């Protein structure tokens, strides 16, 4: 399944100043500037479409596979992403989740044997 990001309904961030509590930041709750539907330009395909159609797609794909935040952030900045570091971390969740599943599976196999 795929999705098209068009609006930030709620935006929460950790407030490291006060006991790492989560706080809501309503300033970021809005339609996304680069969402496909949000542009008046006929040829504006959104930030993801522009990355996918660019010469940097191979570099982007490799950076995603490797969790290379520096490269992901640089590419997102190049394509006018408003919060490139935060977006890079959100995108990397899938890779980190798979690493966790692989590690958990390896531990389970070590302990209980192959299934």
PDB file of N, CA and C in Angstrom:
ATOM      1  N   UNK A   1       0.845  -1.164   0.000  1.00  0.00           N
ATOM      2  CA  UNK A   1       0.000   0.000   0.000  1.00  0.00           C
ATOM      3  C   UNK A   1       0.897   1.237   0.000  1.00  0.00           C
ATOM      4  N   UNK A   2       0.482   2.251  -0.701  1.00  0.00           N
ATOM      5  CA  UNK A   2       1.200   3.518  -0.698  1.00  0.00           C
ATOM      6  C   UNK A   2       0.261   4.595  -0.186  1.00  0.00           C
ATOM      7  N   UNK A   3       0.827   5.734   0.099  1.00  0.00           N
ATOM      8  CA  UNK A   3       0.000   6.841   0.558  1.00  0.00           C
ATOM      9  C   UNK A   3       0.517   8.133  -0.047  1.00  0.00           C
ATOM     10  N   UNK A   4      -0.322   9.131  -0.044  1.00  0.00           N
ATOM     11  CA  UNK A   4       0.039  10.453  -0.512  1.00  0.00           C
ATOM     12  C   UNK A   4      -0.134  11.394   0.668  1.00  0.00           C
ATOM     13  N   UNK A   5       0.952  11.999   1.084  1.00  0.00           N
ATOM     14  CA  UNK A   5       0.901  12.899   2.224  1.00  0.00           C
ATOM     15  C   UNK A   5       0.356  14.245   1.759  1.00  0.00           C
ATOM     16  N   UNK A   6      -0.764  14.667   2.332  1.00  0.00           N
ATOM     17  CA  UNK A   6      -1.376  15.917   1.895  1.00  0.00           C
ATOM     18  C   UNK A   6      -1.588  16.918   3.031  1.00  0.00           C
ATOM     19  N   UNK A   7      -1.634  16.441   4.265  1.00  0.00           N
ATOM     20  CA  UNK A   7      -1.902  17.347   5.374  1.00  0.00           C
ATOM     21  C   UNK A   7      -1.315  16.769   6.661  1.00  0.00           C
ATOM     22  N   UNK A   8      -0.786  17.663   7.498  1.00  0.00           N
ATOM     23  CA  UNK A   8      -0.344  17.263   8.830  1.00  0.00           C
ATOM     24  C   UNK A   8      -1.506  17.531   9.774  1.00  0.00           C
ATOM     25  N   UNK A   9      -2.107  16.457  10.290  1.00  0.00           N
ATOM     26  CA  UNK A   9      -3.263  16.611  11.171  1.00  0.00           C
ATOM     27  C   UNK A   9      -2.849  17.036  12.570  1.00  0.00           C
ATOM     28  N   UNK A  10      -1.844  16.356  13.132  1.00  0.00           N
ATOM     29  CA  UNK A  10      -1.288  16.712  14.430  1.00  0.00           C
ATOM     30  C   UNK A  10       0.212  16.556  14.346  1.00  0.00           C
ATOM     31  N   UNK A  11       0.935  17.498  14.925  1.00  0.00           N
ATOM     32  CA  UNK A  11       2.389  17.421  14.938  1.00  0.00           C
ATOM     33  C   UNK A  11       2.846  17.455  16.388  1.00  0.00           C
ATOM     34  N   UNK A  12       3.558  16.416  16.799  1.00  0.00           N
ATOM     35  CA  UNK A  12       4.060  16.302  18.157  1.00  0.00           C
ATOM     36  C   UNK A  12       5.578  16.219  18.132  1.00  0.00           C
ATOM     37  N   UNK A  13       6.214  16.820  19.102  1.00  0.00           N
ATOM     38  CA  UNK A  13       7.663  16.791  19.188  1.00  0.00           C
ATOM     39  C   UNK A  13       8.081  16.606  20.635  1.00  0.00           C
ATOM     40  N   UNK A  14       9.249  15.992  20.828  1.00  0.00           N
ATOM     41  CA  UNK A  14       9.754  15.824  22.188  1.00  0.00           C
ATOM     42  C   UNK A  14      10.374  17.124  22.646  1.00  0.00           C
ATOM     43  N   UNK A  15      10.032  17.526  23.830  1.00  0.00           N
ATOM     44  CA  UNK A  15      10.565  18.741  24.417  1.00  0.00           C
ATOM     45  C   UNK A  15      11.679  18.333  25.369  1.00  0.00           C
ATOM     46  N   UNK A  16      12.895  18.304  24.884  1.00  0.00           N
ATOM     47  CA  UNK A  16      14.040  17.860  25.669  1.00  0.00           C
ATOM     48  C   UNK A  16      14.359  18.751  26.849  1.00  0.00           C
ATOM     49  N   UNK A  17      13.816  19.937  26.852  1.00  0.00           N
ATOM     50  CA  UNK A  17      14.101  20.864  27.948  1.00  0.00           C
ATOM     51  C   UNK A  17      13.376  20.466  29.232  1.00  0.00           C
ATOM     52  N   UNK A  18      12.212  19.879  29.088  1.00  0.00           N
ATOM     53  CA  UNK A  18      11.412  19.549  30.267  1.00  0.00           C
ATOM     54  C   UNK A  18      11.142  18.048  30.271  1.00  0.00           C
ATOM     55  N   UNK A  19      11.997  17.298  30.860  1.00  0.00           N
ATOM     56  CA  UNK A  19      11.839  15.855  31.075  1.00  0.00           C
ATOM     57  C   UNK A  19      11.437  15.047  29.839  1.00  0.00           C
ATOM     58  N   UNK A  20      11.866  15.478  28.669  1.00  0.00           N
ATOM     59  CA  UNK A  20      11.554  14.757  27.437  1.00  0.00           C
ATOM     60  C   UNK A  20      10.064  14.515  27.224  1.00  0.00           C
ATOM     61  N   UNK A  21       9.241  15.393  27.705  1.00  0.00           N
ATOM     62  CA  UNK A  21       7.795  15.263  27.518  1.00  0.00           C
ATOM     63  C   UNK A  21       7.434  15.606  26.074  1.00  0.00           C
ATOM     64  N   UNK A  22       6.375  14.994  25.575  1.00  0.00           N
ATOM     65  CA  UNK A  22       5.881  15.311  24.244  1.00  0.00           C
ATOM     66  C   UNK A  22       5.015  16.554  24.331  1.00  0.00           C
ATOM     67  N   UNK A  23       5.118  17.407  23.324  1.00  0.00           N
ATOM     68  CA  UNK A  23       4.244  18.580  23.267  1.00  0.00           C
ATOM     69  C   UNK A  23       3.769  18.759  21.835  1.00  0.00           C
ATOM     70  N   UNK A  24       2.571  19.247  21.704  1.00  0.00           N
ATOM     71  CA  UNK A  24       1.976  19.454  20.382  1.00  0.00           C
ATOM     72  C   UNK A  24       2.409  20.819  19.855  1.00  0.00           C
ATOM     73  N   UNK A  25       2.782  20.874  18.571  1.00  0.00           N
ATOM     74  CA  UNK A  25       3.177  22.117  17.922  1.00  0.00           C
ATOM     75  C   UNK A  25       2.217  22.364  16.764  1.00  0.00           C
ATOM     76  N   UNK A  26       1.171  23.114  17.043  1.00  0.00           N
ATOM     77  CA  UNK A  26       0.113  23.342  16.055  1.00  0.00           C
ATOM     78  C   UNK A  26       0.581  24.179  14.866  1.00  0.00           C
ATOM     79  N   UNK A  27       1.724  24.852  14.986  1.00  0.00           N
ATOM     80  CA  UNK A  27       2.241  25.646  13.868  1.00  0.00           C
ATOM     81  C   UNK A  27       2.542  24.789  12.645  1.00  0.00           C
ATOM     82  N   UNK A  28       2.775  23.488  12.844  1.00  0.00           N
ATOM     83  CA  UNK A  28       3.109  22.597  11.731  1.00  0.00           C
ATOM     84  C   UNK A  28       1.897  21.823  11.218  1.00  0.00           C
ATOM     85  N   UNK A  29       0.736  22.081  11.749  1.00  0.00           N
ATOM     86  CA  UNK A  29      -0.474  21.373  11.335  1.00  0.00           C
ATOM     87  C   UNK A  29      -1.155  22.163  10.229  1.00  0.00           C
ATOM     88  N   UNK A  30      -0.979  21.665   8.994  1.00  0.00           N
ATOM     89  CA  UNK A  30      -1.485  22.383   7.828  1.00  0.00           C
ATOM     90  C   UNK A  30      -1.363  21.497   6.592  1.00  0.00           C
ATOM     91  N   UNK A  31      -1.951  21.925   5.490  1.00  0.00           N
ATOM     92  CA  UNK A  31      -1.710  21.199   4.238  1.00  0.00           C
ATOM     93  C   UNK A  31      -0.225  21.290   3.895  1.00  0.00           C
ATOM     94  N   UNK A  32       0.316  20.254   3.325  1.00  0.00           N
ATOM     95  CA  UNK A  32       1.725  20.248   2.961  1.00  0.00           C
ATOM     96  C   UNK A  32       1.939  21.035   1.675  1.00  0.00           C
ATOM     97  N   UNK A  33       2.943  21.862   1.673  1.00  0.00           N
ATOM     98  CA  UNK A  33       3.205  22.738   0.535  1.00  0.00           C
ATOM     99  C   UNK A  33       3.443  21.939  -0.737  1.00  0.00           C
ATOM    100  N   UNK A  34       4.186  20.846  -0.622  1.00  0.00           N
ATOM    101  CA  UNK A  34       4.570  20.100  -1.815  1.00  0.00           C
ATOM    102  C   UNK A  34       3.687  18.887  -2.069  1.00  0.00           C
ATOM    103  N   UNK A  35       2.532  18.827  -1.443  1.00  0.00           N
ATOM    104  CA  UNK A  35       1.626  17.713  -1.731  1.00  0.00           C
ATOM    105  C   UNK A  35       1.130  17.851  -3.165  1.00  0.00           C
ATOM    106  N   UNK A  36       0.937  16.748  -3.837  1.00  0.00           N
ATOM    107  CA  UNK A  36       0.572  16.782  -5.254  1.00  0.00           C
ATOM    108  C   UNK A  36      -0.675  17.627  -5.511  1.00  0.00           C
ATOM    109  N   UNK A  37      -1.673  17.510  -4.668  1.00  0.00           N
ATOM    110  CA  UNK A  37      -2.948  18.186  -4.905  1.00  0.00           C
ATOM    111  C   UNK A  37      -2.892  19.665  -4.598  1.00  0.00           C
ATOM    112  N   UNK A  38      -1.833  20.122  -3.913  1.00  0.00           N
ATOM    113  CA  UNK A  38      -1.802  21.470  -3.358  1.00  0.00           C
ATOM    114  C   UNK A  38      -1.175  22.491  -4.305  1.00  0.00           C
ATOM    115  N   UNK A  39      -0.818  22.108  -5.484  1.00  0.00           N
ATOM    116  CA  UNK A  39      -0.121  23.015  -6.379  1.00  0.00           C
ATOM    117  C   UNK A  39      -1.031  23.480  -7.504  1.00  0.00           C
ATOM    118  N   UNK A  40      -0.861  24.732  -7.902  1.00  0.00           N
ATOM    119  CA  UNK A  40      -1.589  25.253  -9.055  1.00  0.00           C
ATOM    120  C   UNK A  40      -0.880  24.896 -10.355  1.00  0.00           C
ATOM    121  N   UNK A  41       0.400  24.550 -10.264  1.00  0.00           N
ATOM    122  CA  UNK A  41       1.176  24.232 -11.461  1.00  0.00           C
ATOM    123  C   UNK A  41       0.772  22.869 -12.004  1.00  0.00           C
ATOM    124  N   UNK A  42       0.564  22.806 -13.288  1.00  0.00           N
ATOM    125  CA  UNK A  42       0.164  21.557 -13.919  1.00  0.00           C
ATOM    126  C   UNK A  42       1.222  20.472 -13.775  1.00  0.00           C
ATOM    127  N   UNK A  43       2.493  20.880 -13.843  1.00  0.00           N
ATOM    128  CA  UNK A  43       3.570  19.891 -13.853  1.00  0.00           C
ATOM    129  C   UNK A  43       4.211  19.664 -12.488  1.00  0.00           C
ATOM    130  N   UNK A  44       3.657  20.239 -11.418  1.00  0.00           N
ATOM    131  CA  UNK A  44       4.240  20.038 -10.086  1.00  0.00           C
ATOM    132  C   UNK A  44       3.770  18.702  -9.542  1.00  0.00           C
ATOM    133  N   UNK A  45       4.695  17.777  -9.393  1.00  0.00           N
ATOM    134  CA  UNK A  45       4.358  16.435  -8.946  1.00  0.00           C
ATOM    135  C   UNK A  45       4.686  16.207  -7.476  1.00  0.00           C
ATOM    136  N   UNK A  46       4.965  17.268  -6.738  1.00  0.00           N
ATOM    137  CA  UNK A  46       5.292  17.131  -5.334  1.00  0.00           C
ATOM    138  C   UNK A  46       6.755  16.781  -5.138  1.00  0.00           C
ATOM    139  N   UNK A  47       7.207  16.920  -3.908  1.00  0.00           N
ATOM    140  CA  UNK A  47       8.623  16.697  -3.608  1.00  0.00           C
ATOM    141  C   UNK A  47       9.061  15.270  -3.935  1.00  0.00           C
ATOM    142  N   UNK A  48       8.214  14.280  -3.619  1.00  0.00           N
ATOM    143  CA  UNK A  48       8.605  12.889  -3.867  1.00  0.00           C
ATOM    144  C   UNK A  48       8.684  12.596  -5.355  1.00  0.00           C
ATOM    145  N   UNK A  49       7.759  13.130  -6.106  1.00  0.00           N
ATOM    146  CA  UNK A  49       7.796  12.945  -7.547  1.00  0.00           C
ATOM    147  C   UNK A  49       9.019  13.596  -8.170  1.00  0.00           C
ATOM    148  N   UNK A  50       9.381  14.775  -7.674  1.00  0.00           N
ATOM    149  CA  UNK A  50      10.560  15.449  -8.206  1.00  0.00           C
ATOM    150  C   UNK A  50      11.833  14.679  -7.885  1.00  0.00           C
ATOM    151  N   UNK A  51      11.919  14.094  -6.692  1.00  0.00           N
ATOM    152  CA  UNK A  51      13.092  13.278  -6.359  1.00  0.00           C
ATOM    153  C   UNK A  51      13.119  12.037  -7.235  1.00  0.00           C
ATOM    154  N   UNK A  52      11.981  11.367  -7.370  1.00  0.00           N
ATOM    155  CA  UNK A  52      11.919  10.139  -8.163  1.00  0.00           C
ATOM    156  C   UNK A  52      12.260  10.373  -9.628  1.00  0.00           C
ATOM    157  N   UNK A  53      11.922  11.535 -10.147  1.00  0.00           N
ATOM    158  CA  UNK A  53      12.182  11.846 -11.547  1.00  0.00           C
ATOM    159  C   UNK A  53      13.531  12.528 -11.772  1.00  0.00           C
ATOM    160  N   UNK A  54      14.310  12.684 -10.725  1.00  0.00           N
ATOM    161  CA  UNK A  54      15.569  13.425 -10.836  1.00  0.00           C
ATOM    162  C   UNK A  54      16.758  12.499 -11.078  1.00  0.00           C
ATOM    163  N   UNK A  55      17.889  13.105 -11.360  1.00  0.00           N
ATOM    164  CA  UNK A  55      19.143  12.358 -11.508  1.00  0.00           C
ATOM    165  C   UNK A  55      19.644  11.836 -10.160  1.00  0.00           C
ATOM    166  N   UNK A  56      19.063  12.295  -9.070  1.00  0.00           N
ATOM    167  CA  UNK A  56      19.531  11.909  -7.740  1.00  0.00           C
ATOM    168  C   UNK A  56      18.792  10.699  -7.180  1.00  0.00           C
ATOM    169  N   UNK A  57      17.922  10.079  -7.979  1.00  0.00           N
ATOM    170  CA  UNK A  57      17.109   8.975  -7.467  1.00  0.00           C
ATOM    171  C   UNK A  57      17.954   7.806  -6.986  1.00  0.00           C
ATOM    172  N   UNK A  58      19.015   7.455  -7.695  1.00  0.00           N
ATOM    173  CA  UNK A  58      19.858   6.339  -7.252  1.00  0.00           C
ATOM    174  C   UNK A  58      20.556   6.670  -5.938  1.00  0.00           C
ATOM    175  N   UNK A  59      21.053   7.899  -5.841  1.00  0.00           N
ATOM    176  CA  UNK A  59      21.703   8.338  -4.603  1.00  0.00           C
ATOM    177  C   UNK A  59      20.698   8.367  -3.452  1.00  0.00           C
ATOM    178  N   UNK A  60      19.477   8.830  -3.733  1.00  0.00           N
ATOM    179  CA  UNK A  60      18.409   8.865  -2.733  1.00  0.00           C
ATOM    180  C   UNK A  60      18.072   7.455  -2.249  1.00  0.00           C
ATOM    181  N   UNK A  61      17.909   6.540  -3.200  1.00  0.00           N
ATOM    182  CA  UNK A  61      17.553   5.159  -2.857  1.00  0.00           C
ATOM    183  C   UNK A  61      18.639   4.507  -2.017  1.00  0.00           C
ATOM    184  N   UNK A  62      19.897   4.724  -2.383  1.00  0.00           N
ATOM    185  CA  UNK A  62      21.007   4.162  -1.617  1.00  0.00           C
ATOM    186  C   UNK A  62      21.056   4.764  -0.211  1.00  0.00           C
ATOM    187  N   UNK A  63      20.857   6.058  -0.114  1.00  0.00           N
ATOM    188  CA  UNK A  63      20.865   6.722   1.199  1.00  0.00           C
ATOM    189  C   UNK A  63      19.750   6.175   2.085  1.00  0.00           C
ATOM    190  N   UNK A  64      18.578   5.916   1.515  1.00  0.00           N
ATOM    191  CA  UNK A  64      17.468   5.328   2.284  1.00  0.00           C
ATOM    192  C   UNK A  64      17.824   3.936   2.763  1.00  0.00           C
ATOM    193  N   UNK A  65      18.408   3.128   1.886  1.00  0.00           N
ATOM    194  CA  UNK A  65      18.796   1.761   2.271  1.00  0.00           C
ATOM    195  C   UNK A  65      19.832   1.772   3.385  1.00  0.00           C
ATOM    196  N   UNK A  66      20.768   2.727   3.328  1.00  0.00           N
ATOM    197  CA  UNK A  66      21.873   2.780   4.287  1.00  0.00           C
ATOM    198  C   UNK A  66      21.556   3.583   5.540  1.00  0.00           C
ATOM    199  N   UNK A  67      20.453   4.314   5.542  1.00  0.00           N
ATOM    200  CA  UNK A  67      20.163   5.194   6.677  1.00  0.00           C
ATOM    201  C   UNK A  67      21.139   6.361   6.721  1.00  0.00           C
ATOM    202  N   UNK A  68      21.575   6.831   5.558  1.00  0.00           N
ATOM    203  CA  UNK A  68      22.542   7.925   5.426  1.00  0.00           C
ATOM    204  C   UNK A  68      21.806   9.260   5.550  1.00  0.00           C
ATOM    205  N   UNK A  69      21.706   9.747   6.790  1.00  0.00           N
ATOM    206  CA  UNK A  69      20.936  10.962   7.043  1.00  0.00           C
ATOM    207  C   UNK A  69      21.527  12.185   6.353  1.00  0.00           C
ATOM    208  N   UNK A  70      22.841  12.282   6.305  1.00  0.00           N
ATOM    209  CA  UNK A  70      23.467  13.431   5.663  1.00  0.00           C
ATOM    210  C   UNK A  70      23.042  13.574   4.217  1.00  0.00           C
ATOM    211  N   UNK A  71      23.074  12.471   3.490  1.00  0.00           N
ATOM    212  CA  UNK A  71      22.685  12.502   2.079  1.00  0.00           C
ATOM    213  C   UNK A  71      21.188  12.730   1.931  1.00  0.00           C
ATOM    214  N   UNK A  72      20.375  12.048   2.749  1.00  0.00           N
ATOM    215  CA  UNK A  72      18.926  12.257   2.653  1.00  0.00           C
ATOM    216  C   UNK A  72      18.567  13.707   2.930  1.00  0.00           C
ATOM    217  N   UNK A  73      19.165  14.289   3.972  1.00  0.00           N
ATOM    218  CA  UNK A  73      18.876  15.679   4.323  1.00  0.00           C
ATOM    219  C   UNK A  73      19.312  16.613   3.197  1.00  0.00           C
ATOM    220  N   UNK A  74      20.501  16.374   2.629  1.00  0.00           N
ATOM    221  CA  UNK A  74      20.984  17.227   1.542  1.00  0.00           C
ATOM    222  C   UNK A  74      20.037  17.180   0.339  1.00  0.00           C
ATOM    223  N   UNK A  75      19.588  15.990  -0.015  1.00  0.00           N
ATOM    224  CA  UNK A  75      18.682  15.863  -1.157  1.00  0.00           C
ATOM    225  C   UNK A  75      17.336  16.506  -0.841  1.00  0.00           C
ATOM    226  N   UNK A  76      16.818  16.282   0.353  1.00  0.00           N
ATOM    227  CA  UNK A  76      15.543  16.907   0.721  1.00  0.00           C
ATOM    228  C   UNK A  76      15.647  18.428   0.699  1.00  0.00           C
ATOM    229  N   UNK A  77      16.765  18.968   1.175  1.00  0.00           N
ATOM    230  CA  UNK A  77      16.966  20.426   1.116  1.00  0.00           C
ATOM    231  C   UNK A  77      16.990  20.908  -0.332  1.00  0.00           C
ATOM    232  N   UNK A  78      17.686  20.156  -1.174  1.00  0.00           N
ATOM    233  CA  UNK A  78      17.781  20.523  -2.593  1.00  0.00           C
ATOM    234  C   UNK A  78      16.407  20.606  -3.242  1.00  0.00           C
ATOM    235  N   UNK A  79      15.467  19.783  -2.779  1.00  0.00           N
ATOM    236  CA  UNK A  79      14.118  19.767  -3.349  1.00  0.00           C
ATOM    237  C   UNK A  79      13.133  20.554  -2.492  1.00  0.00           C
ATOM    238  N   UNK A  80      13.654  21.485  -1.685  1.00  0.00           N
ATOM    239  CA  UNK A  80      12.864  22.462  -0.933  1.00  0.00           C
ATOM    240  C   UNK A  80      12.002  21.880   0.179  1.00  0.00           C
ATOM    241  N   UNK A  81      12.460  20.815   0.821  1.00  0.00           N
ATOM    242  CA  UNK A  81      11.749  20.272   1.975  1.00  0.00           C
ATOM    243  C   UNK A  81      11.895  21.243   3.146  1.00  0.00           C
ATOM    244  N   UNK A  82      10.799  21.501   3.841  1.00  0.00           N
ATOM    245  CA  UNK A  82      10.822  22.466   4.942  1.00  0.00           C
ATOM    246  C   UNK A  82      11.591  21.971   6.169  1.00  0.00           C
ATOM    247  N   UNK A  83      11.449  20.701   6.515  1.00  0.00           N
ATOM    248  CA  UNK A  83      12.104  20.155   7.715  1.00  0.00           C
ATOM    249  C   UNK A  83      12.826  18.869   7.317  1.00  0.00           C
ATOM    250  N   UNK A  84      13.927  18.999   6.595  1.00  0.00           N
ATOM    251  CA  UNK A  84      14.582  17.825   6.019  1.00  0.00           C
ATOM    252  C   UNK A  84      15.078  16.812   7.044  1.00  0.00           C
ATOM    253  N   UNK A  85      15.604  17.238   8.164  1.00  0.00           N
ATOM    254  CA  UNK A  85      16.099  16.286   9.163  1.00  0.00           C
ATOM    255  C   UNK A  85      14.952  15.474   9.747  1.00  0.00           C
ATOM    256  N   UNK A  86      13.858  16.131  10.078  1.00  0.00           N
ATOM    257  CA  UNK A  86      12.709  15.429  10.632  1.00  0.00           C
ATOM    258  C   UNK A  86      12.111  14.459   9.616  1.00  0.00           C
ATOM    259  N   UNK A  87      12.045  14.884   8.355  1.00  0.00           N
ATOM    260  CA  UNK A  87      11.507  14.017   7.306  1.00  0.00           C
ATOM    261  C   UNK A  87      12.416  12.805   7.102  1.00  0.00           C
ATOM    262  N   UNK A  88      13.739  13.032   7.107  1.00  0.00           N
ATOM    263  CA  UNK A  88      14.683  11.918   6.951  1.00  0.00           C
ATOM    264  C   UNK A  88      14.488  10.896   8.065  1.00  0.00           C
ATOM    265  N   UNK A  89      14.282  11.352   9.285  1.00  0.00           N
ATOM    266  CA  UNK A  89      14.047  10.421  10.391  1.00  0.00           C
ATOM    267  C   UNK A  89      12.730   9.665  10.217  1.00  0.00           C
ATOM    268  N   UNK A  90      11.686  10.346   9.771  1.00  0.00           N
ATOM    269  CA  UNK A  90      10.410   9.668   9.558  1.00  0.00           C
ATOM    270  C   UNK A  90      10.527   8.615   8.458  1.00  0.00           C
ATOM    271  N   UNK A  91      11.246   8.944   7.404  1.00  0.00           N
ATOM    272  CA  UNK A  91      11.424   8.008   6.300  1.00  0.00           C
ATOM    273  C   UNK A  91      12.226   6.798   6.744  1.00  0.00           C
ATOM    274  N   UNK A  92      13.155   6.988   7.656  1.00  0.00           N
ATOM    275  CA  UNK A  92      14.046   5.907   8.077  1.00  0.00           C
ATOM    276  C   UNK A  92      13.385   4.919   9.039  1.00  0.00           C
ATOM    277  N   UNK A  93      12.181   5.215   9.478  1.00  0.00           N
ATOM    278  CA  UNK A  93      11.487   4.332  10.413  1.00  0.00           C
ATOM    279  C   UNK A  93      11.346   2.921   9.841  1.00  0.00           C
ATOM    280  N   UNK A  94      11.008   2.804   8.577  1.00  0.00           N
ATOM    281  CA  UNK A  94      10.813   1.489   7.964  1.00  0.00           C
ATOM    282  C   UNK A  94      12.099   0.656   8.029  1.00  0.00           C
ATOM    283  N   UNK A  95      13.238   1.275   7.704  1.00  0.00           N
ATOM    284  CA  UNK A  95      14.514   0.559   7.738  1.00  0.00           C
ATOM    285  C   UNK A  95      14.856   0.118   9.162  1.00  0.00           C
ATOM    286  N   UNK A  96      14.662   1.014  10.121  1.00  0.00           N
ATOM    287  CA  UNK A  96      14.966   0.682  11.511  1.00  0.00           C
ATOM    288  C   UNK A  96      14.033  -0.403  12.045  1.00  0.00           C
ATOM    289  N   UNK A  97      12.764  -0.369  11.622  1.00  0.00           N
ATOM    290  CA  UNK A  97      11.813  -1.387  12.037  1.00  0.00           C
ATOM    291  C   UNK A  97      12.237  -2.758  11.506  1.00  0.00           C
ATOM    292  N   UNK A  98      12.677  -2.804  10.247  1.00  0.00           N
ATOM    293  CA  UNK A  98      13.125  -4.076   9.671  1.00  0.00           C
ATOM    294  C   UNK A  98      14.372  -4.586  10.396  1.00  0.00           C
ATOM    295  N   UNK A  99      15.290  -3.698  10.736  1.00  0.00           N
ATOM    296  CA  UNK A  99      16.473  -4.105  11.503  1.00  0.00           C
ATOM    297  C   UNK A  99      16.071  -4.693  12.855  1.00  0.00           C
ATOM    298  N   UNK A 100      15.112  -4.088  13.512  1.00  0.00           N
ATOM    299  CA  UNK A 100      14.623  -4.593  14.787  1.00  0.00           C
ATOM    300  C   UNK A 100      13.996  -5.974  14.617  1.00  0.00           C
ATOM    301  N   UNK A 101      13.181  -6.139  13.590  1.00  0.00           N
ATOM    302  CA  UNK A 101      12.558  -7.448  13.336  1.00  0.00           C
ATOM    303  C   UNK A 101      13.611  -8.512  13.059  1.00  0.00           C
ATOM    304  N   UNK A 102      14.623  -8.167  12.265  1.00  0.00           N
ATOM    305  CA  UNK A 102      15.691  -9.121  11.957  1.00  0.00           C
ATOM    306  C   UNK A 102      16.452  -9.514  13.222  1.00  0.00           C
ATOM    307  N   UNK A 103      16.755  -8.543  14.054  1.00  0.00           N
ATOM    308  CA  UNK A 103      17.489  -8.805  15.303  1.00  0.00           C
ATOM    309  C   UNK A 103      16.647  -9.657  16.244  1.00  0.00           C
ATOM    310  N   UNK A 104      15.371  -9.325  16.368  1.00  0.00           N
ATOM    311  CA  UNK A 104      14.469 -10.089  17.229  1.00  0.00           C
ATOM    312  C   UNK A 104      14.344 -11.528  16.734  1.00  0.00           C
ATOM    313  N   UNK A 105      14.243 -11.688  15.441  1.00  0.00           N
ATOM    314  CA  UNK A 105      14.152 -13.026  14.857  1.00  0.00           C
ATOM    315  C   UNK A 105      15.424 -13.825  15.120  1.00  0.00           C
ATOM    316  N   UNK A 106      16.575 -13.177  14.977  1.00  0.00           N
ATOM    317  CA  UNK A 106      17.851 -13.862  15.232  1.00  0.00           C
ATOM    318  C   UNK A 106      17.959 -14.294  16.691  1.00  0.00           C
ATOM    319  N   UNK A 107      17.544 -13.445  17.600  1.00  0.00           N
ATOM    320  CA  UNK A 107      17.577 -13.783  19.032  1.00  0.00           C
ATOM    321  C   UNK A 107      16.637 -14.949  19.315  1.00  0.00           C
ATOM    322  N   UNK A 108      15.442 -14.899  18.736  1.00  0.00           N
ATOM    323  CA  UNK A 108      14.465 -15.979  18.937  1.00  0.00           C
ATOM    324  C   UNK A 108      15.006 -17.298  18.371  1.00  0.00           C
ATOM    325  N   UNK A 109      15.630 -17.244  17.200  1.00  0.00           N
ATOM    326  CA  UNK A 109      16.196 -18.450  16.603  1.00  0.00           C
ATOM    327  C   UNK A 109      17.355 -19.010  17.434  1.00  0.00           C
ATOM    328  N   UNK A 110      18.181 -18.134  17.978  1.00  0.00           N
ATOM    329  CA  UNK A 110      19.275 -18.562  18.839  1.00  0.00           C
ATOM    330  C   UNK A 110      18.748 -19.253  20.098  1.00  0.00           C
ATOM    331  N   UNK A 111      17.688 -18.707  20.632  1.00  0.00           N
ATOM    332  CA  UNK A 111      17.151 -19.207  21.881  1.00  0.00           C
ATOM    333  C   UNK A 111      16.287 -20.454  21.701  1.00  0.00           C
ATOM    334  N   UNK A 112      15.439 -20.442  20.670  1.00  0.00           N
ATOM    335  CA  UNK A 112      14.466 -21.513  20.514  1.00  0.00           C
ATOM    336  C   UNK A 112      14.689 -22.379  19.280  1.00  0.00           C
ATOM    337  N   UNK A 113      15.663 -22.045  18.455  1.00  0.00           N
ATOM    338  CA  UNK A 113      15.924 -22.800  17.232  1.00  0.00           C
ATOM    339  C   UNK A 113      15.106 -22.276  16.074  1.00  0.00           C
ATOM    340  N   UNK A 114      15.431 -22.745  14.896  1.00  0.00           N
ATOM    341  CA  UNK A 114      14.741 -22.333  13.680  1.00  0.00           C
ATOM    342  C   UNK A 114      13.280 -22.764  13.722  1.00  0.00           C
ATOM    343  N   UNK A 115      12.403 -21.943  13.174  1.00  0.00           N
ATOM    344  CA  UNK A 115      10.970 -22.297  13.114  1.00  0.00           C
ATOM    345  C   UNK A 115      10.661 -23.059  11.867  1.00  0.00           C
TER     346      UNK A 115
END
